[in-house]
Amino acid sequence: MRATYKMVENGYQVAVLCPTTVLTAQHEKVFIDRFSPFNIKVASLSRISLGSEKNTIEKIAQGKIDIVIGTHRLLSSDIKFKKLGLIVIDEEQKFGVKQKEKLKQLEIGVHVLSMSATPIPRSLSMALSSIQDISIIQTPPQGRKIVKNIVTKISNDKIKEKCI
């Protein structure tokens, strides 16, 4: 969120690529809520935005939308940005190499931020060989519950105890 804010603050557009329409809608809501006090224009493109899609595409090309969040729809040839500065790829492992390379070709010198809870071997290899930087978030979010795994024989009493 901070990286996208800084890019917009410096006059650039941001594209956030998500693997599903559900995640696109969730991200759009969070971005709109967080950035509403700053007059940052946020829009989304996915298969559920068909009615307003043409208008959104025109606004992206004109630079009237600061942050566009979308599914694979962002990879379409009709999507043009006025001044793209950052591409955020959420759930990187859901996208192939060709898709990620196509995004990088949208604008020369565009910054790419890939996020994943389960990094793929190619990204880890690139990070270890210093081709790509990697950051690891080691502190869990506030209020996060610890997952506790227990291996035991199945017992209806134990199931009832844990479910109640």
N, C-alpha and C. Protein backbone atom coordinates (compact mmCIF):
# COMPACT_ATOMS: atom_id res chain seq x y z
N MET A 1 0.84 -1.19 0.00
CA MET A 1 0.00 0.00 0.00
C MET A 1 0.88 1.25 0.00
N ARG A 2 1.95 1.20 0.78
CA ARG A 2 2.84 2.37 0.85
C ARG A 2 3.55 2.62 -0.48
N ALA A 3 3.99 1.55 -1.12
CA ALA A 3 4.67 1.69 -2.41
C ALA A 3 3.73 2.29 -3.45
N THR A 4 2.48 1.83 -3.46
CA THR A 4 1.52 2.37 -4.43
C THR A 4 1.24 3.84 -4.14
N TYR A 5 1.14 4.19 -2.87
CA TYR A 5 0.89 5.59 -2.50
C TYR A 5 2.04 6.48 -2.98
N LYS A 6 3.28 6.04 -2.73
CA LYS A 6 4.44 6.85 -3.12
C LYS A 6 4.51 7.01 -4.64
N MET A 7 4.17 5.98 -5.37
CA MET A 7 4.18 6.08 -6.83
C MET A 7 3.15 7.11 -7.31
N VAL A 8 1.94 7.01 -6.78
CA VAL A 8 0.89 7.94 -7.17
C VAL A 8 1.26 9.36 -6.75
N GLU A 9 1.81 9.50 -5.57
CA GLU A 9 2.23 10.81 -5.07
C GLU A 9 3.25 11.46 -6.01
N ASN A 10 4.05 10.63 -6.68
CA ASN A 10 5.07 11.13 -7.61
C ASN A 10 4.61 11.15 -9.07
N GLY A 11 3.31 11.02 -9.29
CA GLY A 11 2.75 11.20 -10.62
C GLY A 11 2.67 9.97 -11.50
N TYR A 12 2.84 8.80 -10.93
CA TYR A 12 2.79 7.57 -11.70
C TYR A 12 1.50 6.80 -11.44
N GLN A 13 1.18 5.92 -12.38
CA GLN A 13 0.05 5.01 -12.22
C GLN A 13 0.56 3.67 -11.70
N VAL A 14 -0.33 2.91 -11.08
CA VAL A 14 0.01 1.61 -10.52
C VAL A 14 -0.99 0.58 -11.04
N ALA A 15 -0.48 -0.59 -11.42
CA ALA A 15 -1.32 -1.72 -11.81
C ALA A 15 -1.13 -2.82 -10.77
N VAL A 16 -2.23 -3.33 -10.24
CA VAL A 16 -2.18 -4.42 -9.26
C VAL A 16 -2.84 -5.63 -9.92
N LEU A 17 -2.06 -6.67 -10.14
CA LEU A 17 -2.54 -7.87 -10.83
C LEU A 17 -2.90 -8.94 -9.82
N CYS A 18 -4.13 -9.42 -9.89
CA CYS A 18 -4.65 -10.45 -8.97
C CYS A 18 -5.10 -11.67 -9.77
N PRO A 19 -5.02 -12.86 -9.18
CA PRO A 19 -5.40 -14.06 -9.93
C PRO A 19 -6.90 -14.31 -10.05
N THR A 20 -7.72 -13.70 -9.19
CA THR A 20 -9.17 -13.97 -9.22
C THR A 20 -9.99 -12.70 -9.13
N THR A 21 -11.23 -12.78 -9.59
CA THR A 21 -12.13 -11.63 -9.49
C THR A 21 -12.48 -11.33 -8.04
N VAL A 22 -12.56 -12.35 -7.21
CA VAL A 22 -12.87 -12.15 -5.79
C VAL A 22 -11.75 -11.34 -5.11
N LEU A 23 -10.51 -11.72 -5.36
CA LEU A 23 -9.38 -11.00 -4.78
C LEU A 23 -9.30 -9.58 -5.34
N THR A 24 -9.62 -9.41 -6.61
CA THR A 24 -9.64 -8.09 -7.22
C THR A 24 -10.64 -7.19 -6.50
N ALA A 25 -11.84 -7.70 -6.26
CA ALA A 25 -12.88 -6.93 -5.57
C ALA A 25 -12.46 -6.60 -4.14
N GLN A 26 -11.84 -7.55 -3.46
CA GLN A 26 -11.38 -7.30 -2.08
C GLN A 26 -10.31 -6.22 -2.06
N HIS A 27 -9.33 -6.32 -2.96
CA HIS A 27 -8.27 -5.31 -3.02
C HIS A 27 -8.84 -3.94 -3.36
N GLU A 28 -9.77 -3.90 -4.30
CA GLU A 28 -10.36 -2.61 -4.69
C GLU A 28 -11.01 -1.94 -3.49
N LYS A 29 -11.76 -2.68 -2.72
CA LYS A 29 -12.43 -2.13 -1.54
C LYS A 29 -11.41 -1.58 -0.53
N VAL A 30 -10.35 -2.35 -0.27
CA VAL A 30 -9.33 -1.91 0.69
C VAL A 30 -8.61 -0.66 0.18
N PHE A 31 -8.24 -0.65 -1.09
CA PHE A 31 -7.54 0.51 -1.65
C PHE A 31 -8.42 1.75 -1.60
N ILE A 32 -9.68 1.61 -1.97
CA ILE A 32 -10.60 2.76 -1.94
C ILE A 32 -10.76 3.27 -0.51
N ASP A 33 -10.96 2.36 0.44
CA ASP A 33 -11.11 2.77 1.85
C ASP A 33 -9.87 3.50 2.36
N ARG A 34 -8.70 2.94 2.09
CA ARG A 34 -7.46 3.52 2.60
C ARG A 34 -7.09 4.85 1.94
N PHE A 35 -7.34 4.95 0.64
CA PHE A 35 -6.87 6.12 -0.10
C PHE A 35 -7.94 7.19 -0.33
N SER A 36 -9.15 6.98 0.15
CA SER A 36 -10.20 7.98 -0.06
C SER A 36 -9.86 9.37 0.50
N PRO A 37 -9.16 9.48 1.64
CA PRO A 37 -8.81 10.83 2.12
C PRO A 37 -7.79 11.56 1.24
N PHE A 38 -7.13 10.85 0.33
CA PHE A 38 -6.05 11.45 -0.45
C PHE A 38 -6.42 11.74 -1.90
N ASN A 39 -7.67 11.59 -2.25
CA ASN A 39 -8.16 11.85 -3.60
C ASN A 39 -7.41 11.02 -4.66
N ILE A 40 -7.14 9.78 -4.33
CA ILE A 40 -6.51 8.86 -5.27
C ILE A 40 -7.60 8.05 -5.95
N LYS A 41 -7.57 8.04 -7.27
CA LYS A 41 -8.60 7.36 -8.06
C LYS A 41 -8.22 5.89 -8.25
N VAL A 42 -9.11 5.00 -7.79
CA VAL A 42 -8.90 3.56 -7.86
C VAL A 42 -10.02 2.94 -8.69
N ALA A 43 -9.65 2.00 -9.55
CA ALA A 43 -10.66 1.29 -10.35
C ALA A 43 -10.21 -0.17 -10.50
N SER A 44 -11.14 -0.99 -10.99
CA SER A 44 -10.79 -2.39 -11.20
C SER A 44 -11.24 -2.85 -12.58
N LEU A 45 -10.57 -3.89 -13.05
CA LEU A 45 -10.93 -4.52 -14.32
C LEU A 45 -10.93 -6.03 -14.11
N SER A 46 -12.06 -6.63 -14.37
CA SER A 46 -12.19 -8.08 -14.30
C SER A 46 -13.44 -8.45 -15.07
N ARG A 47 -13.78 -9.72 -15.06
CA ARG A 47 -14.96 -10.13 -15.82
C ARG A 47 -16.26 -9.62 -15.20
N ILE A 48 -16.24 -9.14 -13.95
CA ILE A 48 -17.46 -8.60 -13.35
C ILE A 48 -17.59 -7.10 -13.57
N SER A 49 -16.62 -6.48 -14.24
CA SER A 49 -16.70 -5.04 -14.51
C SER A 49 -17.01 -4.75 -15.97
N LEU A 50 -17.70 -5.65 -16.62
CA LEU A 50 -17.95 -5.53 -18.05
C LEU A 50 -18.72 -4.27 -18.44
N GLY A 51 -19.70 -3.85 -17.66
CA GLY A 51 -20.52 -2.71 -18.02
C GLY A 51 -19.75 -1.41 -18.11
N SER A 52 -18.85 -1.16 -17.18
CA SER A 52 -18.10 0.10 -17.14
C SER A 52 -16.69 -0.05 -17.69
N GLU A 53 -16.41 -1.19 -18.31
CA GLU A 53 -15.04 -1.49 -18.74
C GLU A 53 -14.48 -0.49 -19.74
N LYS A 54 -15.24 -0.12 -20.76
CA LYS A 54 -14.75 0.79 -21.79
C LYS A 54 -14.38 2.13 -21.18
N ASN A 55 -15.23 2.64 -20.33
CA ASN A 55 -14.98 3.92 -19.65
C ASN A 55 -13.71 3.84 -18.80
N THR A 56 -13.54 2.75 -18.09
CA THR A 56 -12.36 2.55 -17.23
C THR A 56 -11.10 2.50 -18.08
N ILE A 57 -11.13 1.78 -19.19
CA ILE A 57 -9.96 1.65 -20.07
C ILE A 57 -9.56 3.02 -20.62
N GLU A 58 -10.53 3.82 -21.00
CA GLU A 58 -10.23 5.17 -21.50
C GLU A 58 -9.60 6.04 -20.42
N LYS A 59 -10.13 5.94 -19.21
CA LYS A 59 -9.58 6.73 -18.10
C LYS A 59 -8.16 6.31 -17.73
N ILE A 60 -7.87 5.03 -17.85
CA ILE A 60 -6.50 4.54 -17.59
C ILE A 60 -5.55 5.16 -18.61
N ALA A 61 -5.93 5.13 -19.88
CA ALA A 61 -5.09 5.68 -20.95
C ALA A 61 -4.89 7.18 -20.80
N GLN A 62 -5.89 7.88 -20.28
CA GLN A 62 -5.81 9.33 -20.08
C GLN A 62 -5.07 9.70 -18.80
N GLY A 63 -4.79 8.71 -17.95
CA GLY A 63 -4.12 8.99 -16.68
C GLY A 63 -5.05 9.47 -15.60
N LYS A 64 -6.37 9.31 -15.79
CA LYS A 64 -7.36 9.75 -14.80
C LYS A 64 -7.57 8.74 -13.69
N ILE A 65 -7.03 7.53 -13.86
CA ILE A 65 -7.09 6.51 -12.81
C ILE A 65 -5.66 6.29 -12.34
N ASP A 66 -5.47 6.42 -11.03
CA ASP A 66 -4.14 6.29 -10.45
C ASP A 66 -3.75 4.83 -10.22
N ILE A 67 -4.69 4.05 -9.69
CA ILE A 67 -4.42 2.64 -9.36
C ILE A 67 -5.50 1.79 -10.00
N VAL A 68 -5.08 0.84 -10.83
CA VAL A 68 -6.04 -0.09 -11.43
C VAL A 68 -5.71 -1.48 -10.91
N ILE A 69 -6.72 -2.14 -10.40
CA ILE A 69 -6.59 -3.48 -9.83
C ILE A 69 -7.35 -4.42 -10.75
N GLY A 70 -6.70 -5.50 -11.17
CA GLY A 70 -7.40 -6.36 -12.10
C GLY A 70 -6.83 -7.76 -12.20
N THR A 71 -7.59 -8.57 -12.89
CA THR A 71 -7.21 -9.95 -13.14
C THR A 71 -6.34 -9.99 -14.41
N HIS A 72 -6.30 -11.13 -15.06
CA HIS A 72 -5.55 -11.28 -16.31
C HIS A 72 -6.00 -10.25 -17.36
N ARG A 73 -7.14 -9.63 -17.13
CA ARG A 73 -7.65 -8.60 -18.05
C ARG A 73 -6.64 -7.48 -18.25
N LEU A 74 -5.82 -7.21 -17.24
CA LEU A 74 -4.80 -6.16 -17.35
C LEU A 74 -3.73 -6.50 -18.39
N LEU A 75 -3.65 -7.77 -18.78
CA LEU A 75 -2.65 -8.20 -19.76
C LEU A 75 -3.12 -8.03 -21.19
N SER A 76 -4.36 -7.61 -21.38
CA SER A 76 -4.92 -7.47 -22.72
C SER A 76 -4.25 -6.32 -23.48
N SER A 77 -4.20 -6.47 -24.80
CA SER A 77 -3.51 -5.49 -25.65
C SER A 77 -4.21 -4.13 -25.69
N ASP A 78 -5.49 -4.07 -25.32
CA ASP A 78 -6.20 -2.79 -25.36
C ASP A 78 -5.97 -1.94 -24.11
N ILE A 79 -5.24 -2.45 -23.13
CA ILE A 79 -4.98 -1.69 -21.91
C ILE A 79 -3.69 -0.89 -22.10
N LYS A 80 -3.81 0.41 -22.07
CA LYS A 80 -2.67 1.32 -22.23
C LYS A 80 -2.65 2.27 -21.03
N PHE A 81 -1.47 2.50 -20.50
CA PHE A 81 -1.30 3.40 -19.37
C PHE A 81 -0.65 4.70 -19.86
N LYS A 82 -1.00 5.79 -19.21
CA LYS A 82 -0.38 7.07 -19.55
C LYS A 82 1.03 7.13 -18.98
N LYS A 83 1.18 6.75 -17.70
CA LYS A 83 2.50 6.82 -17.05
C LYS A 83 2.57 5.76 -15.96
N LEU A 84 2.78 4.52 -16.37
CA LEU A 84 2.84 3.40 -15.43
C LEU A 84 4.19 3.39 -14.73
N GLY A 85 4.17 3.31 -13.40
CA GLY A 85 5.41 3.31 -12.63
C GLY A 85 5.63 2.06 -11.83
N LEU A 86 4.54 1.37 -11.46
CA LEU A 86 4.67 0.20 -10.60
C LEU A 86 3.62 -0.84 -10.97
N ILE A 87 4.07 -2.10 -11.01
CA ILE A 87 3.18 -3.23 -11.18
C ILE A 87 3.32 -4.08 -9.93
N VAL A 88 2.20 -4.34 -9.26
CA VAL A 88 2.19 -5.21 -8.08
C VAL A 88 1.51 -6.50 -8.50
N ILE A 89 2.22 -7.62 -8.33
CA ILE A 89 1.66 -8.92 -8.68
C ILE A 89 1.36 -9.65 -7.37
N ASP A 90 0.08 -9.82 -7.09
CA ASP A 90 -0.32 -10.53 -5.89
C ASP A 90 -0.45 -12.01 -6.22
N GLU A 91 -0.02 -12.86 -5.32
CA GLU A 91 -0.04 -14.31 -5.53
C GLU A 91 0.73 -14.67 -6.80
N GLU A 92 2.00 -14.27 -6.80
CA GLU A 92 2.86 -14.45 -7.97
C GLU A 92 2.84 -15.85 -8.55
N GLN A 93 2.72 -16.85 -7.70
CA GLN A 93 2.78 -18.23 -8.16
C GLN A 93 1.61 -18.60 -9.07
N LYS A 94 0.57 -17.78 -9.11
CA LYS A 94 -0.60 -18.06 -9.95
C LYS A 94 -0.40 -17.59 -11.40
N PHE A 95 0.72 -16.90 -11.66
CA PHE A 95 0.96 -16.36 -13.00
C PHE A 95 2.20 -16.99 -13.60
N GLY A 96 2.17 -17.19 -14.91
CA GLY A 96 3.30 -17.79 -15.61
C GLY A 96 4.37 -16.77 -15.98
N VAL A 97 5.49 -17.25 -16.42
CA VAL A 97 6.61 -16.40 -16.81
C VAL A 97 6.20 -15.47 -17.94
N LYS A 98 5.51 -15.99 -18.96
CA LYS A 98 5.10 -15.17 -20.11
C LYS A 98 4.19 -14.02 -19.67
N GLN A 99 3.29 -14.28 -18.73
CA GLN A 99 2.38 -13.23 -18.26
C GLN A 99 3.14 -12.14 -17.52
N LYS A 100 4.08 -12.53 -16.68
CA LYS A 100 4.86 -11.54 -15.93
C LYS A 100 5.77 -10.73 -16.86
N GLU A 101 6.33 -11.38 -17.86
CA GLU A 101 7.18 -10.67 -18.82
C GLU A 101 6.37 -9.68 -19.65
N LYS A 102 5.14 -10.07 -20.00
CA LYS A 102 4.27 -9.16 -20.77
C LYS A 102 3.98 -7.90 -19.96
N LEU A 103 3.77 -8.05 -18.68
CA LEU A 103 3.53 -6.88 -17.82
C LEU A 103 4.72 -5.94 -17.81
N LYS A 104 5.91 -6.50 -17.73
CA LYS A 104 7.12 -5.67 -17.70
C LYS A 104 7.31 -4.89 -18.99
N GLN A 105 6.76 -5.40 -20.09
CA GLN A 105 6.90 -4.73 -21.38
C GLN A 105 5.90 -3.59 -21.57
N LEU A 106 4.96 -3.45 -20.65
CA LEU A 106 3.97 -2.38 -20.78
C LEU A 106 4.62 -1.00 -20.75
N GLU A 107 5.68 -0.87 -20.00
CA GLU A 107 6.36 0.42 -19.85
C GLU A 107 7.84 0.15 -19.56
N ILE A 108 8.71 0.84 -20.25
CA ILE A 108 10.15 0.66 -20.00
C ILE A 108 10.50 1.25 -18.64
N GLY A 109 11.24 0.48 -17.85
CA GLY A 109 11.68 0.96 -16.54
C GLY A 109 10.65 0.85 -15.43
N VAL A 110 9.56 0.15 -15.69
CA VAL A 110 8.52 0.00 -14.67
C VAL A 110 9.04 -0.87 -13.53
N HIS A 111 8.69 -0.51 -12.31
CA HIS A 111 9.07 -1.30 -11.15
C HIS A 111 8.05 -2.42 -10.97
N VAL A 112 8.52 -3.59 -10.54
CA VAL A 112 7.65 -4.73 -10.33
C VAL A 112 7.82 -5.24 -8.91
N LEU A 113 6.71 -5.35 -8.20
CA LEU A 113 6.69 -5.88 -6.84
C LEU A 113 5.83 -7.13 -6.86
N SER A 114 6.47 -8.30 -6.66
CA SER A 114 5.75 -9.57 -6.66
C SER A 114 5.57 -10.02 -5.22
N MET A 115 4.36 -10.44 -4.89
CA MET A 115 4.07 -10.90 -3.54
C MET A 115 3.56 -12.33 -3.59
N SER A 116 3.95 -13.10 -2.57
CA SER A 116 3.49 -14.48 -2.50
C SER A 116 3.69 -15.03 -1.10
N ALA A 117 2.71 -15.76 -0.64
CA ALA A 117 2.86 -16.46 0.64
C ALA A 117 3.62 -17.77 0.41
N THR A 118 3.62 -18.24 -0.85
CA THR A 118 4.32 -19.47 -1.19
C THR A 118 5.21 -19.18 -2.40
N PRO A 119 6.42 -18.67 -2.17
CA PRO A 119 7.29 -18.29 -3.29
C PRO A 119 7.64 -19.47 -4.19
N ILE A 120 7.74 -19.19 -5.45
CA ILE A 120 8.06 -20.24 -6.41
C ILE A 120 9.58 -20.38 -6.52
N PRO A 121 10.05 -21.58 -6.86
CA PRO A 121 11.50 -21.82 -6.94
C PRO A 121 12.25 -20.84 -7.84
N ARG A 122 11.65 -20.45 -8.97
CA ARG A 122 12.31 -19.53 -9.89
C ARG A 122 12.58 -18.19 -9.20
N SER A 123 11.62 -17.67 -8.47
CA SER A 123 11.80 -16.39 -7.77
C SER A 123 12.84 -16.52 -6.67
N LEU A 124 12.81 -17.61 -5.93
CA LEU A 124 13.80 -17.83 -4.88
C LEU A 124 15.21 -17.93 -5.47
N SER A 125 15.33 -18.62 -6.59
CA SER A 125 16.62 -18.76 -7.26
C SER A 125 17.14 -17.39 -7.72
N MET A 126 16.26 -16.59 -8.28
CA MET A 126 16.65 -15.25 -8.73
C MET A 126 17.07 -14.38 -7.56
N ALA A 127 16.40 -14.53 -6.43
CA ALA A 127 16.75 -13.75 -5.24
C ALA A 127 18.10 -14.19 -4.69
N LEU A 128 18.33 -15.49 -4.64
CA LEU A 128 19.60 -16.01 -4.12
C LEU A 128 20.79 -15.66 -5.02
N SER A 129 20.55 -15.48 -6.31
CA SER A 129 21.62 -15.11 -7.22
C SER A 129 21.71 -13.60 -7.43
N SER A 130 20.98 -12.83 -6.62
CA SER A 130 21.00 -11.35 -6.63
C SER A 130 20.45 -10.74 -7.92
N ILE A 131 19.68 -11.49 -8.68
CA ILE A 131 19.02 -10.94 -9.86
C ILE A 131 17.78 -10.16 -9.42
N GLN A 132 17.18 -10.60 -8.35
CA GLN A 132 15.94 -10.03 -7.84
C GLN A 132 16.08 -9.87 -6.33
N ASP A 133 15.56 -8.76 -5.81
CA ASP A 133 15.57 -8.55 -4.36
C ASP A 133 14.41 -9.30 -3.73
N ILE A 134 14.58 -9.66 -2.46
CA ILE A 134 13.52 -10.35 -1.74
C ILE A 134 13.40 -9.75 -0.35
N SER A 135 12.18 -9.57 0.09
CA SER A 135 11.90 -9.12 1.46
C SER A 135 11.00 -10.16 2.11
N ILE A 136 11.26 -10.43 3.36
CA ILE A 136 10.46 -11.42 4.07
C ILE A 136 9.80 -10.74 5.26
N ILE A 137 8.50 -10.87 5.35
CA ILE A 137 7.76 -10.34 6.49
C ILE A 137 7.73 -11.44 7.55
N GLN A 138 8.41 -11.20 8.65
CA GLN A 138 8.53 -12.22 9.68
C GLN A 138 7.59 -12.01 10.85
N THR A 139 6.98 -10.84 10.92
CA THR A 139 6.08 -10.54 12.02
C THR A 139 4.64 -10.72 11.56
N PRO A 140 3.89 -11.60 12.21
CA PRO A 140 2.50 -11.80 11.79
C PRO A 140 1.63 -10.57 12.11
N PRO A 141 0.53 -10.41 11.40
CA PRO A 141 -0.38 -9.30 11.68
C PRO A 141 -0.93 -9.38 13.11
N GLN A 142 -1.26 -8.21 13.66
CA GLN A 142 -1.84 -8.19 15.01
C GLN A 142 -3.14 -9.00 15.03
N GLY A 143 -3.33 -9.75 16.10
CA GLY A 143 -4.55 -10.52 16.26
C GLY A 143 -4.57 -11.85 15.52
N ARG A 144 -3.49 -12.16 14.83
CA ARG A 144 -3.47 -13.43 14.10
C ARG A 144 -3.37 -14.59 15.08
N LYS A 145 -4.20 -15.59 14.85
CA LYS A 145 -4.21 -16.77 15.73
C LYS A 145 -3.17 -17.77 15.26
N ILE A 146 -2.51 -18.38 16.19
CA ILE A 146 -1.50 -19.38 15.88
C ILE A 146 -2.17 -20.68 15.47
N VAL A 147 -1.66 -21.28 14.40
CA VAL A 147 -2.16 -22.57 13.94
C VAL A 147 -1.41 -23.65 14.71
N LYS A 148 -2.15 -24.53 15.32
CA LYS A 148 -1.55 -25.59 16.12
C LYS A 148 -1.95 -26.93 15.52
N ASN A 149 -0.99 -27.70 15.07
CA ASN A 149 -1.24 -29.01 14.48
C ASN A 149 -0.99 -30.10 15.51
N ILE A 150 -1.92 -31.01 15.61
CA ILE A 150 -1.78 -32.13 16.54
C ILE A 150 -2.07 -33.42 15.78
N VAL A 151 -1.15 -34.37 15.89
CA VAL A 151 -1.34 -35.68 15.25
C VAL A 151 -1.78 -36.64 16.34
N THR A 152 -2.97 -37.20 16.19
CA THR A 152 -3.52 -38.10 17.19
C THR A 152 -4.50 -39.07 16.53
N LYS A 153 -4.89 -40.08 17.24
CA LYS A 153 -5.90 -41.00 16.72
C LYS A 153 -7.25 -40.28 16.73
N ILE A 154 -8.06 -40.60 15.74
CA ILE A 154 -9.37 -39.97 15.65
C ILE A 154 -10.26 -40.42 16.80
N SER A 155 -10.98 -39.43 17.33
CA SER A 155 -11.87 -39.70 18.44
C SER A 155 -13.04 -38.72 18.37
N ASN A 156 -14.24 -39.23 18.42
CA ASN A 156 -15.42 -38.36 18.38
C ASN A 156 -15.43 -37.38 19.54
N ASP A 157 -14.96 -37.79 20.70
CA ASP A 157 -14.90 -36.90 21.86
C ASP A 157 -13.97 -35.72 21.61
N LYS A 158 -12.80 -35.99 20.99
CA LYS A 158 -11.84 -34.91 20.69
C LYS A 158 -12.40 -33.96 19.64
N ILE A 159 -13.10 -34.51 18.67
CA ILE A 159 -13.72 -33.67 17.64
C ILE A 159 -14.75 -32.74 18.26
N LYS A 160 -15.60 -33.27 19.11
CA LYS A 160 -16.61 -32.46 19.80
C LYS A 160 -15.95 -31.40 20.65
N GLU A 161 -14.90 -31.75 21.36
CA GLU A 161 -14.19 -30.82 22.25
C GLU A 161 -13.61 -29.65 21.45
N LYS A 162 -13.03 -29.89 20.28
CA LYS A 162 -12.40 -28.85 19.49
C LYS A 162 -13.41 -28.00 18.71
N CYS A 163 -14.54 -28.57 18.42
CA CYS A 163 -15.54 -27.84 17.63
C CYS A 163 -16.44 -26.97 18.49
N ILE A 164 -16.47 -27.20 19.76
CA ILE A 164 -17.38 -26.44 20.63
C ILE A 164 -16.67 -25.27 21.25
